[in-house]
Amino acid sequence: MSEEQAEQLMQQMQMLETYFSDLSQREATFHSVLREATAAIESIQSLSKQTESDTLIPIGMGTYIPTKVSSSNKIVLNIGAGVAVEKDFPSTINYLEARIKEIEIALQDTSAKKQDAAARLEQGKAQINQMMQSTQQSKSG
């Protein structure tokens, strides 16, 4: 393997490592969003069972206001691009479950890409090791 080929391989490895890191961050973000969506569904289901409940509303910097939530069966849902709509509990749960399915698909795709990148990284490392061994053998022989 020539020096130029070795340099190209090292550049490819660096790009793959960056790509792998980006995929890992994306995967962590998807997991976080899934947890948040699941928690939201659980909260809505809990609210639908009670006519009134005590809760804390965060107002920033770790401070909260105690308040009572009356179950009006309406949720204000941010659907993106600064647009929020009012929906009933079942519609909101359906919307969130659909989003969860989309996120799960994206997570599976990201995981598959991450596995592929990991395999290519291992292959590149094996090539580098092989190159180093052949260089050492040619120097000692």
N, C-alpha and C. Protein backbone atom coordinates (compact mmCIF):
# COMPACT_ATOMS: atom_id res chain seq x y z
N MET A 1 0.86 -1.17 0.00
CA MET A 1 0.00 0.00 0.00
C MET A 1 0.90 1.23 0.00
N SER A 2 0.63 2.15 -0.89
CA SER A 2 1.47 3.35 -0.99
C SER A 2 1.13 4.33 0.13
N GLU A 3 1.99 5.28 0.28
CA GLU A 3 1.78 6.31 1.32
C GLU A 3 0.52 7.11 1.02
N GLU A 4 0.26 7.36 -0.26
CA GLU A 4 -0.93 8.11 -0.65
C GLU A 4 -2.20 7.33 -0.31
N GLN A 5 -2.18 6.02 -0.56
CA GLN A 5 -3.33 5.18 -0.23
C GLN A 5 -3.55 5.13 1.28
N ALA A 6 -2.46 5.07 2.02
CA ALA A 6 -2.56 5.06 3.48
C ALA A 6 -3.17 6.36 3.99
N GLU A 7 -2.76 7.46 3.40
CA GLU A 7 -3.30 8.76 3.80
C GLU A 7 -4.79 8.85 3.49
N GLN A 8 -5.19 8.35 2.31
CA GLN A 8 -6.61 8.34 1.95
C GLN A 8 -7.41 7.49 2.92
N LEU A 9 -6.85 6.34 3.28
CA LEU A 9 -7.52 5.46 4.23
C LEU A 9 -7.70 6.16 5.58
N MET A 10 -6.68 6.86 6.03
CA MET A 10 -6.78 7.58 7.31
C MET A 10 -7.85 8.68 7.24
N GLN A 11 -7.92 9.37 6.12
CA GLN A 11 -8.95 10.40 5.96
C GLN A 11 -10.34 9.78 5.97
N GLN A 12 -10.48 8.64 5.28
CA GLN A 12 -11.77 7.94 5.28
C GLN A 12 -12.15 7.51 6.69
N MET A 13 -11.17 7.05 7.44
CA MET A 13 -11.43 6.61 8.82
C MET A 13 -11.88 7.80 9.68
N GLN A 14 -11.26 8.95 9.51
CA GLN A 14 -11.65 10.13 10.28
C GLN A 14 -13.08 10.55 9.92
N MET A 15 -13.40 10.50 8.62
CA MET A 15 -14.75 10.85 8.20
C MET A 15 -15.77 9.85 8.77
N LEU A 16 -15.41 8.57 8.75
CA LEU A 16 -16.31 7.55 9.30
C LEU A 16 -16.51 7.73 10.80
N GLU A 17 -15.45 8.09 11.51
CA GLU A 17 -15.58 8.31 12.95
C GLU A 17 -16.49 9.49 13.24
N THR A 18 -16.38 10.55 12.44
CA THR A 18 -17.25 11.71 12.61
C THR A 18 -18.70 11.33 12.30
N TYR A 19 -18.89 10.58 11.23
CA TYR A 19 -20.22 10.11 10.84
C TYR A 19 -20.82 9.23 11.94
N PHE A 20 -20.02 8.32 12.48
CA PHE A 20 -20.47 7.43 13.55
C PHE A 20 -20.88 8.26 14.78
N SER A 21 -20.09 9.26 15.10
CA SER A 21 -20.40 10.12 16.25
C SER A 21 -21.72 10.88 16.02
N ASP A 22 -21.91 11.38 14.81
CA ASP A 22 -23.16 12.08 14.48
C ASP A 22 -24.36 11.15 14.60
N LEU A 23 -24.20 9.93 14.11
CA LEU A 23 -25.28 8.95 14.21
C LEU A 23 -25.59 8.62 15.67
N SER A 24 -24.56 8.52 16.49
CA SER A 24 -24.76 8.24 17.92
C SER A 24 -25.54 9.37 18.59
N GLN A 25 -25.20 10.61 18.24
CA GLN A 25 -25.92 11.75 18.81
C GLN A 25 -27.38 11.75 18.34
N ARG A 26 -27.59 11.46 17.06
CA ARG A 26 -28.95 11.41 16.53
C ARG A 26 -29.76 10.32 17.22
N GLU A 27 -29.12 9.18 17.44
CA GLU A 27 -29.78 8.06 18.11
C GLU A 27 -30.18 8.45 19.53
N ALA A 28 -29.29 9.13 20.23
CA ALA A 28 -29.59 9.58 21.60
C ALA A 28 -30.75 10.58 21.60
N THR A 29 -30.79 11.45 20.60
CA THR A 29 -31.88 12.42 20.50
C THR A 29 -33.21 11.71 20.27
N PHE A 30 -33.20 10.71 19.39
CA PHE A 30 -34.43 9.95 19.13
C PHE A 30 -34.92 9.25 20.40
N HIS A 31 -33.99 8.67 21.16
CA HIS A 31 -34.38 8.01 22.41
C HIS A 31 -34.99 9.01 23.38
N SER A 32 -34.41 10.19 23.46
CA SER A 32 -34.92 11.24 24.35
C SER A 32 -36.34 11.66 23.93
N VAL A 33 -36.55 11.84 22.64
CA VAL A 33 -37.87 12.24 22.15
C VAL A 33 -38.89 11.13 22.40
N LEU A 34 -38.47 9.88 22.22
CA LEU A 34 -39.37 8.76 22.51
C LEU A 34 -39.80 8.74 23.97
N ARG A 35 -38.84 8.95 24.87
CA ARG A 35 -39.18 8.99 26.31
C ARG A 35 -40.15 10.12 26.60
N GLU A 36 -39.91 11.28 25.99
CA GLU A 36 -40.77 12.43 26.23
C GLU A 36 -42.19 12.18 25.70
N ALA A 37 -42.29 11.60 24.52
CA ALA A 37 -43.61 11.31 23.94
C ALA A 37 -44.36 10.28 24.77
N THR A 38 -43.64 9.26 25.23
CA THR A 38 -44.26 8.23 26.06
C THR A 38 -44.76 8.83 27.38
N ALA A 39 -43.94 9.70 27.97
CA ALA A 39 -44.34 10.36 29.22
C ALA A 39 -45.56 11.25 29.00
N ALA A 40 -45.61 11.92 27.86
CA ALA A 40 -46.76 12.78 27.56
C ALA A 40 -48.04 11.95 27.44
N ILE A 41 -47.94 10.82 26.76
CA ILE A 41 -49.12 9.94 26.63
C ILE A 41 -49.58 9.46 28.00
N GLU A 42 -48.63 9.05 28.84
CA GLU A 42 -48.98 8.58 30.18
C GLU A 42 -49.64 9.70 30.99
N SER A 43 -49.13 10.91 30.86
CA SER A 43 -49.72 12.05 31.59
C SER A 43 -51.13 12.34 31.11
N ILE A 44 -51.34 12.31 29.81
CA ILE A 44 -52.68 12.56 29.27
C ILE A 44 -53.65 11.49 29.74
N GLN A 45 -53.21 10.23 29.71
CA GLN A 45 -54.08 9.14 30.17
C GLN A 45 -54.41 9.31 31.65
N SER A 46 -53.44 9.75 32.43
CA SER A 46 -53.67 9.98 33.86
C SER A 46 -54.66 11.13 34.07
N LEU A 47 -54.48 12.20 33.29
CA LEU A 47 -55.38 13.35 33.41
C LEU A 47 -56.81 12.98 33.02
N SER A 48 -56.96 12.09 32.06
CA SER A 48 -58.31 11.74 31.61
C SER A 48 -59.08 10.94 32.66
N LYS A 49 -58.35 10.35 33.62
CA LYS A 49 -59.00 9.55 34.66
C LYS A 49 -59.44 10.40 35.85
N GLN A 50 -58.90 11.62 35.95
CA GLN A 50 -59.22 12.48 37.09
C GLN A 50 -59.87 13.76 36.59
N THR A 51 -60.80 14.25 37.37
CA THR A 51 -61.44 15.52 36.98
C THR A 51 -60.58 16.71 37.39
N GLU A 52 -59.76 16.53 38.43
CA GLU A 52 -58.89 17.61 38.89
C GLU A 52 -57.68 17.01 39.58
N SER A 53 -56.52 17.61 39.37
CA SER A 53 -55.32 17.10 40.02
C SER A 53 -54.36 18.24 40.34
N ASP A 54 -53.52 18.01 41.34
CA ASP A 54 -52.50 18.98 41.71
C ASP A 54 -51.25 18.71 40.89
N THR A 55 -50.59 19.78 40.50
CA THR A 55 -49.35 19.64 39.73
C THR A 55 -48.46 20.85 39.96
N LEU A 56 -47.27 20.77 39.43
CA LEU A 56 -46.33 21.88 39.48
C LEU A 56 -46.04 22.33 38.05
N ILE A 57 -46.07 23.63 37.83
CA ILE A 57 -45.77 24.19 36.51
C ILE A 57 -44.38 24.83 36.58
N PRO A 58 -43.45 24.38 35.73
CA PRO A 58 -42.12 24.99 35.75
C PRO A 58 -42.16 26.41 35.17
N ILE A 59 -41.50 27.34 35.86
CA ILE A 59 -41.45 28.72 35.36
C ILE A 59 -40.01 29.16 35.07
N GLY A 60 -39.08 28.21 35.19
CA GLY A 60 -37.70 28.50 34.83
C GLY A 60 -36.76 28.47 36.01
N MET A 61 -35.51 28.17 35.73
CA MET A 61 -34.44 28.15 36.73
C MET A 61 -34.76 27.24 37.92
N GLY A 62 -35.44 26.14 37.64
CA GLY A 62 -35.74 25.18 38.69
C GLY A 62 -36.81 25.62 39.66
N THR A 63 -37.63 26.58 39.27
CA THR A 63 -38.72 27.04 40.13
C THR A 63 -40.07 26.59 39.55
N TYR A 64 -41.00 26.33 40.45
CA TYR A 64 -42.30 25.80 40.05
C TYR A 64 -43.42 26.52 40.77
N ILE A 65 -44.58 26.53 40.15
CA ILE A 65 -45.79 27.08 40.77
C ILE A 65 -46.76 25.92 40.97
N PRO A 66 -47.21 25.70 42.22
CA PRO A 66 -48.21 24.67 42.42
C PRO A 66 -49.56 25.15 41.85
N THR A 67 -50.26 24.25 41.22
CA THR A 67 -51.54 24.62 40.62
C THR A 67 -52.44 23.39 40.52
N LYS A 68 -53.68 23.63 40.22
CA LYS A 68 -54.63 22.54 40.00
C LYS A 68 -54.95 22.49 38.50
N VAL A 69 -54.99 21.29 37.98
CA VAL A 69 -55.33 21.09 36.57
C VAL A 69 -56.71 20.46 36.54
N SER A 70 -57.63 21.17 35.89
CA SER A 70 -58.96 20.60 35.73
C SER A 70 -59.01 19.94 34.36
N SER A 71 -59.55 18.77 34.34
CA SER A 71 -59.59 18.00 33.10
C SER A 71 -60.68 18.56 32.20
N SER A 72 -60.26 19.33 31.21
CA SER A 72 -61.23 19.89 30.27
C SER A 72 -61.28 19.04 28.99
N ASN A 73 -60.51 17.96 29.00
CA ASN A 73 -60.42 17.08 27.84
C ASN A 73 -59.85 17.77 26.60
N LYS A 74 -59.15 18.86 26.80
CA LYS A 74 -58.52 19.57 25.69
C LYS A 74 -57.03 19.74 25.99
N ILE A 75 -56.24 19.56 24.95
CA ILE A 75 -54.79 19.71 25.04
C ILE A 75 -54.37 20.67 23.93
N VAL A 76 -53.44 21.56 24.23
CA VAL A 76 -52.86 22.40 23.19
C VAL A 76 -51.59 21.69 22.74
N LEU A 77 -51.54 21.39 21.45
CA LEU A 77 -50.48 20.57 20.89
C LEU A 77 -49.70 21.37 19.85
N ASN A 78 -48.39 21.47 20.07
CA ASN A 78 -47.52 22.14 19.11
C ASN A 78 -47.26 21.15 17.96
N ILE A 79 -47.67 21.52 16.76
CA ILE A 79 -47.50 20.62 15.61
C ILE A 79 -46.34 21.05 14.72
N GLY A 80 -45.60 22.05 15.13
CA GLY A 80 -44.42 22.47 14.39
C GLY A 80 -44.60 23.82 13.73
N ALA A 81 -43.47 24.42 13.36
CA ALA A 81 -43.43 25.72 12.68
C ALA A 81 -44.18 26.80 13.45
N GLY A 82 -44.17 26.69 14.78
CA GLY A 82 -44.82 27.69 15.62
C GLY A 82 -46.34 27.60 15.63
N VAL A 83 -46.88 26.48 15.16
CA VAL A 83 -48.33 26.30 15.09
C VAL A 83 -48.77 25.34 16.19
N ALA A 84 -49.78 25.74 16.94
CA ALA A 84 -50.34 24.89 17.98
C ALA A 84 -51.83 24.75 17.72
N VAL A 85 -52.35 23.57 18.00
CA VAL A 85 -53.78 23.32 17.81
C VAL A 85 -54.34 22.73 19.09
N GLU A 86 -55.63 22.93 19.27
CA GLU A 86 -56.30 22.35 20.42
C GLU A 86 -56.94 21.04 19.98
N LYS A 87 -56.66 19.99 20.74
CA LYS A 87 -57.20 18.67 20.42
C LYS A 87 -57.76 18.04 21.68
N ASP A 88 -58.63 17.06 21.49
CA ASP A 88 -59.11 16.32 22.65
C ASP A 88 -58.08 15.25 23.02
N PHE A 89 -58.26 14.63 24.16
CA PHE A 89 -57.27 13.66 24.65
C PHE A 89 -57.01 12.51 23.68
N PRO A 90 -58.06 11.84 23.18
CA PRO A 90 -57.79 10.71 22.27
C PRO A 90 -57.06 11.14 20.99
N SER A 91 -57.42 12.28 20.43
CA SER A 91 -56.75 12.75 19.21
C SER A 91 -55.29 13.08 19.48
N THR A 92 -55.04 13.66 20.63
CA THR A 92 -53.65 13.97 21.00
C THR A 92 -52.83 12.70 21.16
N ILE A 93 -53.42 11.71 21.83
CA ILE A 93 -52.72 10.43 22.02
C ILE A 93 -52.45 9.78 20.66
N ASN A 94 -53.44 9.81 19.76
CA ASN A 94 -53.25 9.25 18.42
C ASN A 94 -52.11 9.96 17.68
N TYR A 95 -52.09 11.29 17.79
CA TYR A 95 -51.04 12.07 17.14
C TYR A 95 -49.67 11.69 17.69
N LEU A 96 -49.57 11.61 19.01
CA LEU A 96 -48.29 11.27 19.64
C LEU A 96 -47.85 9.84 19.30
N GLU A 97 -48.81 8.91 19.25
CA GLU A 97 -48.47 7.53 18.88
C GLU A 97 -47.97 7.45 17.44
N ALA A 98 -48.56 8.25 16.54
CA ALA A 98 -48.10 8.29 15.15
C ALA A 98 -46.68 8.84 15.08
N ARG A 99 -46.42 9.87 15.88
CA ARG A 99 -45.07 10.45 15.92
C ARG A 99 -44.07 9.42 16.48
N ILE A 100 -44.50 8.66 17.48
CA ILE A 100 -43.63 7.62 18.06
C ILE A 100 -43.25 6.60 16.99
N LYS A 101 -44.23 6.20 16.18
CA LYS A 101 -43.95 5.23 15.11
C LYS A 101 -42.94 5.80 14.11
N GLU A 102 -43.10 7.08 13.77
CA GLU A 102 -42.15 7.73 12.85
C GLU A 102 -40.75 7.76 13.46
N ILE A 103 -40.68 8.07 14.74
CA ILE A 103 -39.39 8.16 15.41
C ILE A 103 -38.75 6.77 15.52
N GLU A 104 -39.57 5.76 15.78
CA GLU A 104 -39.04 4.40 15.87
C GLU A 104 -38.45 3.95 14.53
N ILE A 105 -39.11 4.32 13.43
CA ILE A 105 -38.58 4.00 12.10
C ILE A 105 -37.26 4.73 11.87
N ALA A 106 -37.22 6.00 12.21
CA ALA A 106 -35.99 6.77 12.05
C ALA A 106 -34.89 6.21 12.94
N LEU A 107 -35.25 5.76 14.12
CA LEU A 107 -34.27 5.18 15.05
C LEU A 107 -33.71 3.87 14.48
N GLN A 108 -34.58 3.04 13.91
CA GLN A 108 -34.11 1.79 13.29
C GLN A 108 -33.16 2.09 12.13
N ASP A 109 -33.51 3.07 11.32
CA ASP A 109 -32.66 3.46 10.19
C ASP A 109 -31.31 3.97 10.68
N THR A 110 -31.34 4.80 11.70
CA THR A 110 -30.11 5.34 12.27
C THR A 110 -29.25 4.23 12.87
N SER A 111 -29.88 3.30 13.56
CA SER A 111 -29.14 2.18 14.16
C SER A 111 -28.48 1.32 13.08
N ALA A 112 -29.21 1.08 11.98
CA ALA A 112 -28.64 0.29 10.88
C ALA A 112 -27.45 1.02 10.26
N LYS A 113 -27.59 2.33 10.07
CA LYS A 113 -26.47 3.11 9.52
C LYS A 113 -25.28 3.11 10.48
N LYS A 114 -25.58 3.17 11.77
CA LYS A 114 -24.52 3.16 12.77
C LYS A 114 -23.78 1.83 12.76
N GLN A 115 -24.51 0.73 12.65
CA GLN A 115 -23.89 -0.59 12.58
C GLN A 115 -23.02 -0.71 11.32
N ASP A 116 -23.51 -0.19 10.22
CA ASP A 116 -22.74 -0.22 8.97
C ASP A 116 -21.45 0.59 9.12
N ALA A 117 -21.57 1.77 9.71
CA ALA A 117 -20.39 2.61 9.91
C ALA A 117 -19.39 1.92 10.84
N ALA A 118 -19.88 1.26 11.88
CA ALA A 118 -19.01 0.55 12.81
C ALA A 118 -18.28 -0.59 12.09
N ALA A 119 -18.99 -1.29 11.22
CA ALA A 119 -18.36 -2.38 10.46
C ALA A 119 -17.29 -1.84 9.52
N ARG A 120 -17.60 -0.72 8.88
CA ARG A 120 -16.60 -0.12 7.98
C ARG A 120 -15.40 0.40 8.75
N LEU A 121 -15.64 0.92 9.96
CA LEU A 121 -14.52 1.36 10.81
C LEU A 121 -13.63 0.18 11.18
N GLU A 122 -14.25 -0.93 11.55
CA GLU A 122 -13.47 -2.12 11.90
C GLU A 122 -12.67 -2.62 10.70
N GLN A 123 -13.28 -2.58 9.53
CA GLN A 123 -12.61 -3.00 8.31
C GLN A 123 -11.41 -2.09 8.03
N GLY A 124 -11.60 -0.80 8.21
CA GLY A 124 -10.51 0.16 8.01
C GLY A 124 -9.39 -0.05 9.00
N LYS A 125 -9.74 -0.32 10.25
CA LYS A 125 -8.71 -0.58 11.27
C LYS A 125 -7.92 -1.84 10.91
N ALA A 126 -8.61 -2.85 10.41
CA ALA A 126 -7.94 -4.08 10.01
C ALA A 126 -6.98 -3.81 8.86
N GLN A 127 -7.40 -2.97 7.91
CA GLN A 127 -6.52 -2.61 6.80
C GLN A 127 -5.28 -1.86 7.29
N ILE A 128 -5.49 -0.96 8.23
CA ILE A 128 -4.36 -0.20 8.77
C ILE A 128 -3.40 -1.14 9.50
N ASN A 129 -3.95 -2.04 10.31
CA ASN A 129 -3.09 -3.00 11.01
C ASN A 129 -2.31 -3.87 10.03
N GLN A 130 -2.98 -4.32 8.99
CA GLN A 130 -2.34 -5.14 7.97
C GLN A 130 -1.23 -4.35 7.28
N MET A 131 -1.50 -3.10 6.98
CA MET A 131 -0.51 -2.24 6.34
C MET A 131 0.71 -2.06 7.25
N MET A 132 0.45 -1.83 8.52
CA MET A 132 1.56 -1.63 9.47
C MET A 132 2.39 -2.90 9.61
N GLN A 133 1.73 -4.05 9.65
CA GLN A 133 2.46 -5.32 9.76
C GLN A 133 3.32 -5.57 8.53
N SER A 134 2.77 -5.29 7.35
CA SER A 134 3.55 -5.52 6.14
C SER A 134 4.71 -4.54 6.06
N THR A 135 4.54 -3.32 6.56
CA THR A 135 5.63 -2.34 6.58
C THR A 135 6.73 -2.80 7.53
N GLN A 136 6.33 -3.31 8.72
CA GLN A 136 7.32 -3.79 9.68
C GLN A 136 8.07 -5.01 9.15
N GLN A 137 7.35 -5.89 8.46
CA GLN A 137 7.99 -7.09 7.92
C GLN A 137 8.97 -6.73 6.81
N SER A 138 8.63 -5.74 5.99
CA SER A 138 9.54 -5.34 4.91
C SER A 138 10.77 -4.63 5.46
N LYS A 139 10.64 -3.95 6.60
CA LYS A 139 11.79 -3.29 7.22
C LYS A 139 12.70 -4.30 7.91
N SER A 140 12.12 -5.33 8.53
CA SER A 140 12.91 -6.31 9.25
C SER A 140 13.45 -7.40 8.32
N GLY A 141 12.91 -7.55 7.15
CA GLY A 141 13.29 -8.63 6.24
C GLY A 141 14.26 -8.25 5.23
